[in-house]
Amino acid sequence: AIMQDRDNDETSMRAAMEWLPGVEWAKYGDQDLISTMEWYETKAVVRVLEENLTIRDHFDKIVALMKHGRHQRLELLLDWKQDIRFVAGIHSTKLGHPAGGIRRHPLDDSELDVIADILNLGRGMSFKNAAASIPNGGCKFGVHSSLPEEERDDGFYGFLAFCIDRNLAFTGPDMGFSLEDANRIRKFTKNIVGGTQKTGSGGATGVTAAWGVFVAMKQALADAGIEKLDGASVAVQGVGELGRPLVEHLVEAGARVLAADTSDAALEALPDVVTRGSAGSILRTQCDVLAPCAVGGILDGQAIDELRCKLIVGGANNQLASSSEMDEYLMAKRIADRGILFVPDWIVNAGGVIQGKMEHVKGPEFDLDEALSAAEGTIPQNVKHVLAIARREGITPTEAAYRKFNYTVYGSVD
């Protein structure tokens, strides 16, 4: 574990063998699995780092990422037997115990890239939870494993449940995890949402997330002087659990929709009136609104220079290719200089975590209509307020959004 004291710019570490060899994770929850073995604190860990320069260089890069993004804690757990590396990026707990999604990275992804991704997503979750008025800090979990879904047994899911619980967090399935994965983790912990309804879950959080993006888009268009979606052209990148219902809302509203995805099956499932486009070129589509709803980090310098849209309002996390608030300011300014309105993703896609929090609190009494209503009551107002601040202060909506929520997340406006 690596801990960062943001106020004093101090880093501390600890390491341990936290459970005994041969532990049966398939029985997690039914037996005491945690050992009382000694924790090795900062001085002992530093001695190991000083003796191995390769590890030290790797460690220094991780600490630099944490400082750059103002992260609070990074937990790295390894189960040798199952060859699972669990990464928990805890960005902030000022608002309460952390909440954020869980995603899988294949083992051929470099560990540093996985950690960078998880840290950045956790930072986004801190601000998304604040924008959604949810009393939780932000985190993201990563499972660095190549084990395919058909080979994941109860030992795999029990270990993940342990990792979630030990961080006092609740989570939901993200990229690389299905609703069935969430169902199987729910056998061992109540701290996961977003499974199928047969297990008492509220279902995919993408339903409410998509509705939030839809109402945010309407608000952003109205702010730009376009009072309705009827006839507007919208390019949707990614038609998975969020993108697909978003497309349905857009079609119902009369928008002209172009959609792209790397999955032919996902495209075939869309309404016939939707135009199918190329995943490789959709960012360059001439349209009123570009809605990124797939992977993050897609808006780098080259992509921004090639944009041909008027607005960017989408559901993907971390759309700007950056790893800190200051980096995002620069990228957002570059978009604004092109005459394009970019609404920060963590303002737009907060519907998923609104649904997740309601399910986590209410359990079997969760009501999807209530979640949809909460998203509609929260997200457009945030968009309206952020855009008003941006106009008044002569800054980008990205900087305006951070100004609005920095104190909530950090306790300061720095």
Protein backbone atom coordinates (compact mmCIF):
# COMPACT_ATOMS: atom_id res chain seq x y z
CA ALA A 1 0.00 0.00 0.00
CA ILE A 2 1.22 3.51 -0.84
CA MET A 3 -0.33 6.43 1.05
CA GLN A 4 -0.04 10.06 0.04
CA ASP A 5 -0.58 12.88 2.55
CA ARG A 6 -1.73 15.65 0.22
CA ASP A 7 -1.51 18.38 2.86
CA ASN A 8 2.13 17.71 3.78
CA ASP A 9 3.30 16.14 0.50
CA GLU A 10 4.51 13.04 2.36
CA THR A 11 4.49 9.47 1.07
CA SER A 12 4.33 6.41 3.31
CA MET A 13 4.24 2.70 2.53
CA ARG A 14 3.53 -0.65 4.07
CA ALA A 15 3.71 -4.25 2.91
CA ALA A 16 2.74 -7.62 4.35
CA MET A 17 1.73 -11.18 3.68
CA GLU A 18 -1.86 -10.50 4.64
CA TRP A 19 -3.34 -13.99 4.47
CA LEU A 20 -1.97 -17.46 5.04
CA PRO A 21 -0.93 -19.72 2.15
CA GLY A 22 -3.63 -22.13 1.02
CA VAL A 23 -6.54 -19.87 1.95
CA GLU A 24 -9.81 -21.00 0.34
CA TRP A 25 -11.31 -17.85 -1.15
CA ALA A 26 -14.38 -19.84 -2.22
CA LYS A 27 -15.27 -19.85 1.49
CA TYR A 28 -14.80 -16.10 1.99
CA GLY A 29 -17.42 -14.87 4.45
CA ASP A 30 -17.75 -18.25 6.14
CA GLN A 31 -14.38 -18.32 7.87
CA ASP A 32 -11.71 -16.03 9.25
CA LEU A 33 -9.23 -15.69 6.40
CA ILE A 34 -7.05 -12.82 7.55
CA SER A 35 -3.79 -13.53 9.33
CA THR A 36 -2.20 -11.36 12.00
CA MET A 37 1.18 -11.29 10.27
CA GLU A 38 3.45 -8.30 10.76
CA TRP A 39 3.09 -5.24 8.57
CA TYR A 40 6.35 -3.84 7.26
CA GLU A 41 6.11 -0.07 7.42
CA THR A 42 7.82 2.68 5.42
CA LYS A 43 11.43 2.25 6.61
CA ALA A 44 11.48 -1.49 5.93
CA VAL A 45 9.93 -1.05 2.49
CA VAL A 46 12.43 1.70 1.62
CA ARG A 47 15.32 -0.65 2.43
CA VAL A 48 13.98 -3.13 -0.13
CA LEU A 49 13.60 -0.37 -2.71
CA GLU A 50 17.15 0.84 -2.12
CA GLU A 51 18.47 -2.65 -2.76
CA ASN A 52 16.67 -3.03 -6.09
CA LEU A 53 16.98 -0.06 -8.43
CA THR A 54 14.55 -1.52 -10.99
CA ILE A 55 11.81 -1.76 -8.39
CA ARG A 56 12.74 1.68 -7.10
CA ASP A 57 12.35 3.25 -10.54
CA HIS A 58 8.95 1.58 -10.92
CA PHE A 59 7.91 2.79 -7.48
CA ASP A 60 9.04 6.35 -8.16
CA LYS A 61 6.92 6.47 -11.31
CA ILE A 62 3.87 5.30 -9.36
CA VAL A 63 4.42 7.93 -6.66
CA ALA A 64 4.79 10.60 -9.34
CA LEU A 65 1.43 9.56 -10.80
CA MET A 66 -0.17 9.74 -7.35
CA LYS A 67 1.20 13.20 -6.64
CA HIS A 68 0.25 14.46 -10.08
CA GLY A 69 -3.38 13.43 -9.61
CA ARG A 70 -3.53 14.18 -5.86
CA HIS A 71 -4.38 10.59 -4.95
CA GLN A 72 -4.80 9.45 -1.37
CA ARG A 73 -3.96 5.74 -1.46
CA LEU A 74 -3.01 2.88 -3.76
CA GLU A 75 -3.53 -0.72 -2.64
CA LEU A 76 -1.85 -3.54 -4.56
CA LEU A 77 -2.90 -7.08 -3.66
CA LEU A 78 -1.46 -10.21 -5.22
CA ASP A 79 -2.86 -13.73 -5.06
CA TRP A 80 0.05 -15.86 -6.30
CA LYS A 81 -1.99 -19.04 -6.55
CA GLN A 82 -4.63 -17.57 -8.87
CA ASP A 83 -2.23 -15.12 -10.52
CA ILE A 84 -4.54 -12.16 -9.80
CA ARG A 85 -3.23 -8.65 -9.27
CA PHE A 86 -5.85 -6.42 -7.67
CA VAL A 87 -5.32 -2.65 -7.91
CA ALA A 88 -7.35 -0.29 -5.73
CA GLY A 89 -6.92 3.39 -6.53
CA ILE A 90 -8.45 5.37 -3.65
CA HIS A 91 -8.42 9.00 -4.70
CA SER A 92 -10.34 10.60 -1.84
CA THR A 93 -12.36 9.63 1.21
CA LYS A 94 -13.27 13.14 2.34
CA LEU A 95 -16.94 12.58 1.54
CA GLY A 96 -17.02 9.04 2.96
CA HIS A 97 -16.08 5.48 2.09
CA PRO A 98 -15.01 5.19 -1.56
CA ALA A 99 -17.23 4.11 -4.44
CA GLY A 100 -16.27 3.32 -8.02
CA GLY A 101 -16.36 0.61 -10.68
CA ILE A 102 -14.34 -2.55 -11.09
CA ARG A 103 -12.75 -3.39 -14.45
CA ARG A 104 -10.45 -6.08 -15.80
CA HIS A 105 -7.11 -5.58 -17.53
CA PRO A 106 -5.41 -8.44 -19.38
CA LEU A 107 -1.99 -9.44 -18.09
CA ASP A 108 -0.29 -8.26 -21.28
CA ASP A 109 -1.12 -4.68 -20.23
CA SER A 110 1.84 -3.24 -18.36
CA GLU A 111 1.39 -2.84 -14.63
CA LEU A 112 2.25 0.85 -14.79
CA ASP A 113 -0.37 1.44 -17.49
CA VAL A 114 -2.97 -0.39 -15.41
CA ILE A 115 -2.13 1.64 -12.31
CA ALA A 116 -2.23 4.91 -14.28
CA ASP A 117 -5.66 3.99 -15.67
CA ILE A 118 -7.07 3.02 -12.28
CA LEU A 119 -5.72 6.13 -10.57
CA ASN A 120 -7.14 8.43 -13.22
CA LEU A 121 -10.53 6.73 -13.13
CA GLY A 122 -10.59 6.94 -9.33
CA ARG A 123 -9.93 10.68 -9.51
CA GLY A 124 -12.87 11.04 -11.88
CA MET A 125 -15.08 9.08 -9.48
CA SER A 126 -14.33 11.50 -6.61
CA PHE A 127 -15.71 14.36 -8.66
CA LYS A 128 -18.54 12.34 -10.18
CA ASN A 129 -19.76 11.31 -6.71
CA ALA A 130 -19.52 14.92 -5.54
CA ALA A 131 -21.47 16.12 -8.58
CA ALA A 132 -24.12 13.46 -7.93
CA SER A 133 -24.42 14.61 -4.27
CA ILE A 134 -23.44 11.14 -3.09
CA PRO A 135 -21.72 10.87 0.34
CA ASN A 136 -18.85 8.73 -0.94
CA GLY A 137 -15.28 9.35 -1.91
CA GLY A 138 -13.90 8.14 -5.21
CA CYS A 139 -12.06 4.97 -6.17
CA LYS A 140 -11.56 2.53 -9.01
CA PHE A 141 -10.68 -1.15 -8.86
CA GLY A 142 -8.67 -3.04 -11.44
CA VAL A 143 -8.30 -6.80 -11.78
CA HIS A 144 -5.05 -7.47 -13.64
CA SER A 145 -5.71 -11.00 -14.82
CA SER A 146 -6.11 -12.88 -18.09
CA LEU A 147 -8.44 -15.54 -16.69
CA PRO A 148 -11.41 -15.77 -19.13
CA GLU A 149 -14.95 -15.61 -17.74
CA GLU A 150 -15.64 -19.30 -18.31
CA GLU A 151 -12.66 -20.25 -16.08
CA ARG A 152 -13.47 -17.93 -13.18
CA ASP A 153 -14.57 -19.99 -10.18
CA ASP A 154 -15.78 -19.13 -6.68
CA GLY A 155 -12.18 -18.76 -5.55
CA PHE A 156 -11.71 -15.96 -8.09
CA TYR A 157 -14.88 -14.13 -7.04
CA GLY A 158 -14.32 -14.70 -3.33
CA PHE A 159 -10.91 -13.08 -3.56
CA LEU A 160 -12.37 -10.07 -5.37
CA ALA A 161 -15.07 -9.75 -2.70
CA PHE A 162 -12.38 -9.70 -0.02
CA CYS A 163 -10.46 -6.98 -1.89
CA ILE A 164 -13.59 -4.85 -2.22
CA ASP A 165 -14.58 -5.27 1.44
CA ARG A 166 -11.12 -4.54 2.84
CA ASN A 167 -11.23 -1.14 1.14
CA LEU A 168 -14.62 -0.36 2.75
CA ALA A 169 -15.98 0.41 -0.70
CA PHE A 170 -18.87 -0.45 -2.94
CA THR A 171 -18.42 -1.07 -6.63
CA GLY A 172 -20.16 -2.09 -9.85
CA PRO A 173 -19.10 -3.85 -13.06
CA ASP A 174 -17.11 -1.81 -15.57
CA MET A 175 -15.21 -2.77 -18.74
CA GLY A 176 -14.25 -6.44 -18.75
CA PHE A 177 -16.87 -7.39 -16.15
CA SER A 178 -20.38 -8.54 -16.99
CA LEU A 179 -23.59 -8.45 -14.99
CA GLU A 180 -23.08 -12.17 -14.39
CA ASP A 181 -19.66 -11.41 -12.90
CA ALA A 182 -21.38 -9.02 -10.51
CA ASN A 183 -23.92 -11.72 -9.63
CA ARG A 184 -21.16 -14.12 -8.67
CA ILE A 185 -19.31 -11.57 -6.54
CA ARG A 186 -22.62 -10.86 -4.77
CA LYS A 187 -22.46 -14.40 -3.35
CA PHE A 188 -19.65 -13.16 -1.12
CA THR A 189 -20.33 -9.46 -0.48
CA LYS A 190 -23.20 -6.97 -0.54
CA ASN A 191 -20.82 -4.26 -1.69
CA ILE A 192 -21.36 -4.69 -5.41
CA VAL A 193 -24.27 -3.36 -7.46
CA GLY A 194 -25.31 -3.65 -11.09
CA GLY A 195 -25.94 -7.37 -11.44
CA THR A 196 -29.00 -8.91 -13.04
CA GLN A 197 -32.38 -8.49 -11.44
CA LYS A 198 -32.64 -12.19 -10.61
CA THR A 199 -30.16 -11.59 -7.76
CA GLY A 200 -32.06 -8.60 -6.40
CA SER A 201 -29.91 -6.07 -8.26
CA GLY A 202 -31.31 -3.02 -10.00
CA GLY A 203 -29.73 -4.18 -13.23
CA ALA A 204 -27.18 -2.46 -15.44
CA THR A 205 -26.34 1.05 -14.23
CA GLY A 206 -25.85 2.03 -17.86
CA VAL A 207 -29.63 2.51 -18.10
CA THR A 208 -29.61 5.49 -15.74
CA ALA A 209 -26.21 6.65 -16.96
CA ALA A 210 -27.58 6.82 -20.52
CA TRP A 211 -30.63 8.79 -19.39
CA GLY A 212 -28.32 11.23 -17.60
CA VAL A 213 -26.24 11.73 -20.75
CA PHE A 214 -29.43 12.27 -22.77
CA VAL A 215 -30.83 14.98 -20.48
CA ALA A 216 -27.37 16.57 -20.19
CA MET A 217 -27.16 16.71 -23.98
CA LYS A 218 -30.53 18.42 -24.21
CA GLN A 219 -29.41 21.01 -21.64
CA ALA A 220 -26.10 21.65 -23.43
CA LEU A 221 -27.87 22.05 -26.77
CA ALA A 222 -30.37 24.47 -25.25
CA ASP A 223 -27.47 26.47 -23.85
CA ALA A 224 -26.03 26.61 -27.39
CA GLY A 225 -29.35 27.88 -28.75
CA ILE A 226 -30.66 24.56 -30.09
CA GLU A 227 -33.92 23.97 -28.27
CA LYS A 228 -34.62 20.39 -29.35
CA LEU A 229 -32.88 17.23 -30.49
CA ASP A 230 -35.34 16.67 -33.32
CA GLY A 231 -33.25 16.91 -36.48
CA ALA A 232 -29.93 17.33 -34.68
CA SER A 233 -27.08 15.09 -35.80
CA VAL A 234 -25.43 13.00 -33.07
CA ALA A 235 -22.45 10.66 -33.48
CA VAL A 236 -22.28 7.99 -30.77
CA GLN A 237 -18.98 6.18 -30.26
CA GLY A 238 -19.65 2.87 -28.49
CA VAL A 239 -23.07 1.22 -28.17
CA GLY A 240 -22.66 -1.01 -25.13
CA GLU A 241 -24.61 -0.86 -21.87
CA LEU A 242 -24.62 2.96 -21.91
CA GLY A 243 -24.38 3.78 -25.62
CA ARG A 244 -27.20 1.49 -26.71
CA PRO A 245 -29.95 3.00 -24.50
CA LEU A 246 -28.60 6.47 -25.30
CA VAL A 247 -29.11 5.77 -29.02
CA GLU A 248 -32.68 4.65 -28.30
CA HIS A 249 -33.44 7.91 -26.46
CA LEU A 250 -31.93 9.94 -29.30
CA VAL A 251 -33.91 8.10 -31.98
CA GLU A 252 -37.13 8.58 -30.00
CA ALA A 253 -36.35 12.32 -29.76
CA GLY A 254 -35.96 12.55 -33.53
CA ALA A 255 -32.19 12.96 -33.71
CA ARG A 256 -30.24 11.77 -36.73
CA VAL A 257 -27.89 9.20 -35.21
CA LEU A 258 -24.62 7.80 -36.52
CA ALA A 259 -23.20 5.01 -34.35
CA ALA A 260 -19.92 3.11 -34.34
CA ASP A 261 -18.59 0.21 -32.32
CA THR A 262 -15.90 -2.43 -32.64
CA SER A 263 -18.64 -5.06 -32.21
CA ASP A 264 -20.69 -5.84 -35.32
CA ALA A 265 -23.27 -7.59 -33.14
CA ALA A 266 -23.77 -4.45 -31.05
CA LEU A 267 -24.37 -2.39 -34.19
CA GLU A 268 -26.79 -4.93 -35.64
CA ALA A 269 -28.94 -4.69 -32.50
CA LEU A 270 -29.63 -0.97 -33.04
CA PRO A 271 -32.81 0.43 -34.63
CA ASP A 272 -32.80 0.41 -38.43
CA VAL A 273 -32.93 4.20 -38.66
CA VAL A 274 -29.46 4.47 -37.11
CA THR A 275 -26.62 4.95 -39.59
CA ARG A 276 -23.66 2.64 -38.96
CA GLY A 277 -20.22 4.26 -39.07
CA SER A 278 -16.59 3.30 -38.68
CA ALA A 279 -15.10 3.04 -35.21
CA GLY A 280 -11.85 4.37 -36.62
CA SER A 281 -13.29 7.56 -38.07
CA ILE A 282 -16.33 8.52 -35.98
CA LEU A 283 -14.40 11.11 -33.97
CA ARG A 284 -13.88 13.02 -37.23
CA THR A 285 -17.58 12.97 -38.14
CA GLN A 286 -19.19 16.31 -38.96
CA CYS A 287 -22.14 16.55 -36.54
CA ASP A 288 -23.87 18.70 -33.98
CA VAL A 289 -22.95 16.48 -31.03
CA LEU A 290 -20.22 13.90 -30.54
CA ALA A 291 -21.04 11.42 -27.75
CA PRO A 292 -18.03 9.28 -26.73
CA CYS A 293 -19.44 6.27 -24.87
CA ALA A 294 -16.62 3.72 -25.07
CA VAL A 295 -13.04 3.79 -23.74
CA GLY A 296 -11.41 6.83 -22.16
CA GLY A 297 -8.41 8.90 -23.19
CA ILE A 298 -9.65 9.30 -26.76
CA LEU A 299 -9.30 13.08 -26.99
CA ASP A 300 -5.59 13.63 -27.40
CA GLY A 301 -3.93 16.42 -29.36
CA GLN A 302 -4.34 14.79 -32.76
CA ALA A 303 -7.96 13.80 -32.19
CA ILE A 304 -8.84 17.31 -31.01
CA ASP A 305 -7.30 18.85 -34.13
CA GLU A 306 -9.48 16.58 -36.31
CA LEU A 307 -12.82 17.15 -34.54
CA ARG A 308 -15.71 18.39 -36.70
CA CYS A 309 -18.49 18.58 -34.11
CA LYS A 310 -20.09 21.53 -32.31
CA LEU A 311 -20.49 19.91 -28.88
CA ILE A 312 -19.01 16.93 -27.02
CA VAL A 313 -21.40 15.37 -24.51
CA GLY A 314 -20.77 11.69 -23.84
CA GLY A 315 -20.81 8.92 -21.28
CA ALA A 316 -17.24 7.59 -21.46
CA ASN A 317 -15.06 8.17 -18.42
CA ASN A 318 -11.92 10.31 -18.70
CA GLN A 319 -12.43 11.35 -22.32
CA LEU A 320 -9.51 13.78 -22.19
CA ALA A 321 -6.09 12.14 -22.56
CA SER A 322 -4.73 13.45 -19.26
CA SER A 323 -3.82 12.35 -15.75
CA SER A 324 -4.44 15.45 -13.64
CA GLU A 325 -6.75 18.41 -13.29
CA MET A 326 -4.14 20.77 -14.77
CA ASP A 327 -3.67 18.49 -17.78
CA GLU A 328 -7.42 18.54 -18.35
CA TYR A 329 -7.48 22.34 -18.30
CA LEU A 330 -4.96 22.41 -21.15
CA MET A 331 -6.80 19.81 -23.21
CA ALA A 332 -10.18 21.48 -22.63
CA LYS A 333 -8.73 24.86 -23.65
CA ARG A 334 -7.47 23.29 -26.84
CA ILE A 335 -10.99 22.03 -27.60
CA ALA A 336 -12.52 25.41 -26.78
CA ASP A 337 -10.05 27.14 -29.08
CA ARG A 338 -11.53 25.02 -31.89
CA GLY A 339 -14.94 26.56 -31.14
CA ILE A 340 -16.26 23.29 -29.67
CA LEU A 341 -18.20 23.05 -26.40
CA PHE A 342 -16.92 20.16 -24.24
CA VAL A 343 -19.00 19.27 -21.18
CA PRO A 344 -16.90 17.32 -18.59
CA ASP A 345 -17.75 13.62 -18.61
CA TRP A 346 -18.00 13.28 -14.83
CA ILE A 347 -20.76 15.89 -14.83
CA VAL A 348 -22.60 14.20 -17.69
CA ASN A 349 -22.38 10.48 -16.79
CA ALA A 350 -23.21 10.64 -13.07
CA GLY A 351 -26.48 8.74 -13.57
CA GLY A 352 -24.77 5.37 -13.17
CA VAL A 353 -23.43 6.12 -9.72
CA ILE A 354 -26.78 7.66 -8.72
CA GLN A 355 -28.42 4.33 -9.55
CA GLY A 356 -25.62 2.37 -7.88
CA LYS A 357 -25.86 4.31 -4.63
CA MET A 358 -29.63 3.91 -4.49
CA GLU A 359 -29.35 0.17 -5.03
CA HIS A 360 -26.59 -0.15 -2.42
CA VAL A 361 -28.69 1.67 0.17
CA LYS A 362 -32.17 0.35 -0.66
CA GLY A 363 -31.40 -3.19 -1.78
CA PRO A 364 -34.61 -5.03 -2.80
CA GLU A 365 -36.60 -1.78 -2.42
CA PHE A 366 -34.61 -0.08 -5.18
CA ASP A 367 -36.83 1.64 -7.75
CA LEU A 368 -35.38 2.33 -11.21
CA ASP A 369 -37.87 5.12 -11.91
CA GLU A 370 -36.69 6.89 -8.77
CA ALA A 371 -33.08 6.67 -9.99
CA LEU A 372 -34.01 8.02 -13.43
CA SER A 373 -35.87 10.89 -11.80
CA ALA A 374 -32.92 11.70 -9.53
CA ALA A 375 -30.56 11.76 -12.51
CA GLU A 376 -32.87 14.09 -14.42
CA GLY A 377 -33.17 16.37 -11.39
CA THR A 378 -29.40 16.56 -10.80
CA ILE A 379 -27.43 16.33 -14.03
CA PRO A 380 -29.01 19.05 -16.24
CA GLN A 381 -28.82 21.51 -13.35
CA ASN A 382 -25.11 20.80 -12.95
CA VAL A 383 -24.60 21.27 -16.70
CA LYS A 384 -26.53 24.55 -16.64
CA HIS A 385 -24.59 25.85 -13.63
CA VAL A 386 -21.17 24.83 -14.97
CA LEU A 387 -21.81 26.43 -18.36
CA ALA A 388 -23.02 29.62 -16.67
CA ILE A 389 -19.83 29.80 -14.57
CA ALA A 390 -17.72 29.23 -17.68
CA ARG A 391 -19.39 32.09 -19.54
CA ARG A 392 -19.22 34.45 -16.60
CA GLU A 393 -15.57 33.75 -15.80
CA GLY A 394 -14.35 33.34 -19.39
CA ILE A 395 -13.04 29.84 -18.70
CA THR A 396 -13.76 26.36 -20.06
CA PRO A 397 -16.60 24.26 -18.62
CA THR A 398 -13.92 21.83 -17.41
CA GLU A 399 -12.25 24.46 -15.24
CA ALA A 400 -15.65 25.73 -14.12
CA ALA A 401 -16.69 22.24 -13.04
CA TYR A 402 -13.54 21.73 -10.99
CA ARG A 403 -13.94 25.14 -9.36
CA LYS A 404 -17.47 24.15 -8.38
CA PHE A 405 -16.51 20.84 -6.75
CA ASN A 406 -12.86 21.14 -5.68
CA TYR A 407 -13.72 22.17 -2.14
CA THR A 408 -16.18 19.30 -1.81
CA VAL A 409 -13.54 16.76 -2.84
CA TYR A 410 -10.37 18.20 -1.27
CA GLY A 411 -11.51 20.66 1.37
CA SER A 412 -9.71 23.40 -0.55
CA VAL A 413 -10.01 25.17 -3.90
CA ASP A 414 -6.37 24.59 -4.91
